[in-house]
N, C-alpha and C. Protein backbone atom coordinates (compact mmCIF):
# COMPACT_ATOMS: atom_id res chain seq x y z
N MET A 1 81.34 69.19 118.17
CA MET A 1 81.60 69.69 116.78
C MET A 1 83.21 69.82 116.80
N PRO A 2 83.87 69.28 115.78
CA PRO A 2 85.31 69.48 115.72
C PRO A 2 85.80 70.89 115.29
N PHE A 3 86.98 71.27 115.71
CA PHE A 3 87.40 72.53 115.24
C PHE A 3 87.79 72.57 113.88
N ARG A 4 87.27 73.50 113.05
CA ARG A 4 87.55 73.57 111.56
C ARG A 4 88.51 74.82 111.46
N GLN A 5 89.67 74.64 110.71
CA GLN A 5 90.53 75.81 110.34
C GLN A 5 90.04 76.40 109.12
N PHE A 6 89.52 77.70 109.09
CA PHE A 6 89.06 78.18 107.90
C PHE A 6 90.27 78.83 107.19
N ALA A 7 91.44 79.29 107.95
CA ALA A 7 92.52 80.06 107.36
C ALA A 7 93.51 79.15 106.75
N SER A 8 93.38 77.82 106.94
CA SER A 8 94.50 77.01 106.33
C SER A 8 94.11 76.47 104.98
N LEU A 9 94.15 77.42 104.07
CA LEU A 9 93.95 77.08 102.67
C LEU A 9 95.15 76.42 102.06
N PRO A 10 95.01 75.51 101.12
CA PRO A 10 96.32 74.86 100.52
C PRO A 10 97.17 75.91 100.02
N TYR A 11 98.35 75.89 100.44
CA TYR A 11 99.42 76.73 100.09
C TYR A 11 100.29 76.19 98.82
N VAL A 12 100.15 76.88 97.63
CA VAL A 12 100.92 76.48 96.49
C VAL A 12 102.22 77.21 96.45
N GLN A 13 103.32 76.31 96.54
CA GLN A 13 104.65 76.88 96.59
C GLN A 13 105.14 77.02 95.21
N ARG A 14 105.52 78.17 94.88
CA ARG A 14 106.01 78.42 93.41
C ARG A 14 107.40 78.76 93.49
N SER A 15 108.24 78.34 92.69
CA SER A 15 109.58 78.47 92.63
C SER A 15 109.78 79.78 91.81
N ILE A 16 110.68 80.64 92.24
CA ILE A 16 110.97 81.91 91.48
C ILE A 16 112.29 81.75 90.71
N CYS A 17 112.18 81.85 89.41
CA CYS A 17 113.37 81.60 88.55
C CYS A 17 113.79 83.01 88.10
N ILE A 18 114.94 83.56 88.75
CA ILE A 18 115.66 84.69 88.41
C ILE A 18 117.09 84.47 88.21
N GLU A 19 117.51 84.74 86.93
CA GLU A 19 118.91 84.52 86.66
C GLU A 19 119.72 85.52 87.57
N THR A 20 120.75 85.00 88.14
CA THR A 20 121.66 85.85 89.11
C THR A 20 122.40 87.05 88.41
N SER A 21 122.74 86.82 87.21
CA SER A 21 123.31 87.95 86.34
C SER A 21 122.42 88.96 86.14
N THR A 22 121.15 88.79 85.83
CA THR A 22 120.04 89.78 85.75
C THR A 22 119.90 90.38 87.08
N LEU A 23 119.71 89.72 87.97
CA LEU A 23 119.56 90.33 89.49
C LEU A 23 120.67 91.31 89.79
N PHE A 24 121.79 90.84 89.62
CA PHE A 24 123.14 91.67 90.01
C PHE A 24 123.18 92.86 89.07
N ALA A 25 122.88 92.69 87.84
CA ALA A 25 122.93 93.81 86.82
C ALA A 25 121.85 94.82 87.27
N GLY A 26 120.70 94.47 87.79
CA GLY A 26 119.60 95.37 88.12
C GLY A 26 120.15 95.99 89.36
N VAL A 27 120.71 95.44 90.37
CA VAL A 27 121.17 96.05 91.50
C VAL A 27 122.24 97.02 91.40
N SER A 28 123.15 96.62 90.44
CA SER A 28 124.32 97.53 90.09
C SER A 28 123.84 98.78 89.45
N MET A 29 122.89 98.54 88.53
CA MET A 29 122.24 99.79 87.85
C MET A 29 121.50 100.80 88.87
N LEU A 30 120.88 100.20 89.85
CA LEU A 30 120.41 100.92 90.81
C LEU A 30 121.38 101.74 91.69
N ASP A 31 122.32 100.99 91.94
CA ASP A 31 123.47 101.73 92.74
C ASP A 31 124.20 102.84 91.94
N LEU A 32 124.27 102.62 90.72
CA LEU A 32 124.93 103.72 89.74
C LEU A 32 123.78 104.86 89.67
N LEU A 33 122.67 104.46 89.63
CA LEU A 33 121.58 105.63 89.57
C LEU A 33 121.51 106.40 90.78
N MET A 34 121.56 105.67 91.98
CA MET A 34 121.57 106.38 93.23
C MET A 34 122.79 107.28 93.42
N LEU A 35 123.92 106.74 93.00
CA LEU A 35 125.13 107.57 93.05
C LEU A 35 125.21 108.80 92.27
N ALA A 36 124.53 108.60 91.00
CA ALA A 36 124.53 109.76 90.15
C ALA A 36 123.59 110.77 90.67
N ILE A 37 122.36 110.41 91.35
CA ILE A 37 121.45 111.34 91.98
C ILE A 37 122.07 112.00 93.03
N GLY A 38 122.80 111.34 93.80
CA GLY A 38 123.44 111.90 94.99
C GLY A 38 124.53 112.86 94.62
N PHE A 39 125.22 112.55 93.59
CA PHE A 39 126.34 113.49 93.08
C PHE A 39 125.78 114.63 92.45
N GLY A 40 124.43 114.57 91.73
CA GLY A 40 123.88 115.63 91.15
C GLY A 40 123.30 116.54 92.21
N LEU A 41 122.87 116.13 93.24
CA LEU A 41 122.21 116.90 94.32
C LEU A 41 123.30 117.62 95.06
N PHE A 42 124.60 116.95 95.19
CA PHE A 42 125.78 117.52 95.89
C PHE A 42 126.20 118.81 95.08
N ILE A 43 126.31 118.49 93.55
CA ILE A 43 126.64 119.74 92.73
C ILE A 43 125.75 120.84 92.93
N LEU A 44 124.35 120.57 92.91
CA LEU A 44 123.33 121.53 93.03
C LEU A 44 123.56 122.33 94.27
N THR A 45 123.70 121.67 95.53
CA THR A 45 124.00 122.41 96.69
C THR A 45 125.25 123.25 96.75
N VAL A 46 126.26 122.87 96.18
CA VAL A 46 127.51 123.53 96.00
C VAL A 46 127.16 124.77 95.13
N GLY A 47 126.55 124.62 94.00
CA GLY A 47 126.22 125.80 93.17
C GLY A 47 125.20 126.70 93.88
N TYR A 48 124.32 126.19 94.65
CA TYR A 48 123.45 127.10 95.42
C TYR A 48 124.10 127.90 96.48
N ALA A 49 125.11 127.30 97.10
CA ALA A 49 125.90 127.94 98.15
C ALA A 49 126.77 129.04 97.66
N VAL A 50 127.38 128.86 96.19
CA VAL A 50 128.24 129.73 95.69
C VAL A 50 127.21 130.98 95.16
N ALA A 51 126.19 130.52 94.59
CA ALA A 51 125.11 131.59 94.15
C ALA A 51 124.70 132.56 95.24
N CYS A 52 124.40 131.95 96.32
CA CYS A 52 123.98 132.76 97.60
C CYS A 52 125.11 133.49 98.14
N ASP A 53 126.36 133.01 98.05
CA ASP A 53 127.41 133.77 98.58
C ASP A 53 127.72 135.15 97.76
N ARG A 54 127.35 135.08 96.46
CA ARG A 54 127.62 136.26 95.63
C ARG A 54 126.58 137.31 95.64
N LEU A 55 125.44 136.91 96.40
CA LEU A 55 124.45 137.90 96.60
C LEU A 55 124.73 138.75 97.79
């Protein structure tokens, strides 16, 4: 009996069409969002330290 490959289904290759300007705009927006979140958390920690120092 010949060996049968059950896992080798026909693979359909699909091309992904994403405009590079849209891709880079999304990445830069994520970068700005992460910087804003980081800066906001930094301000909160400084405010927390100042508030604890006054107690």
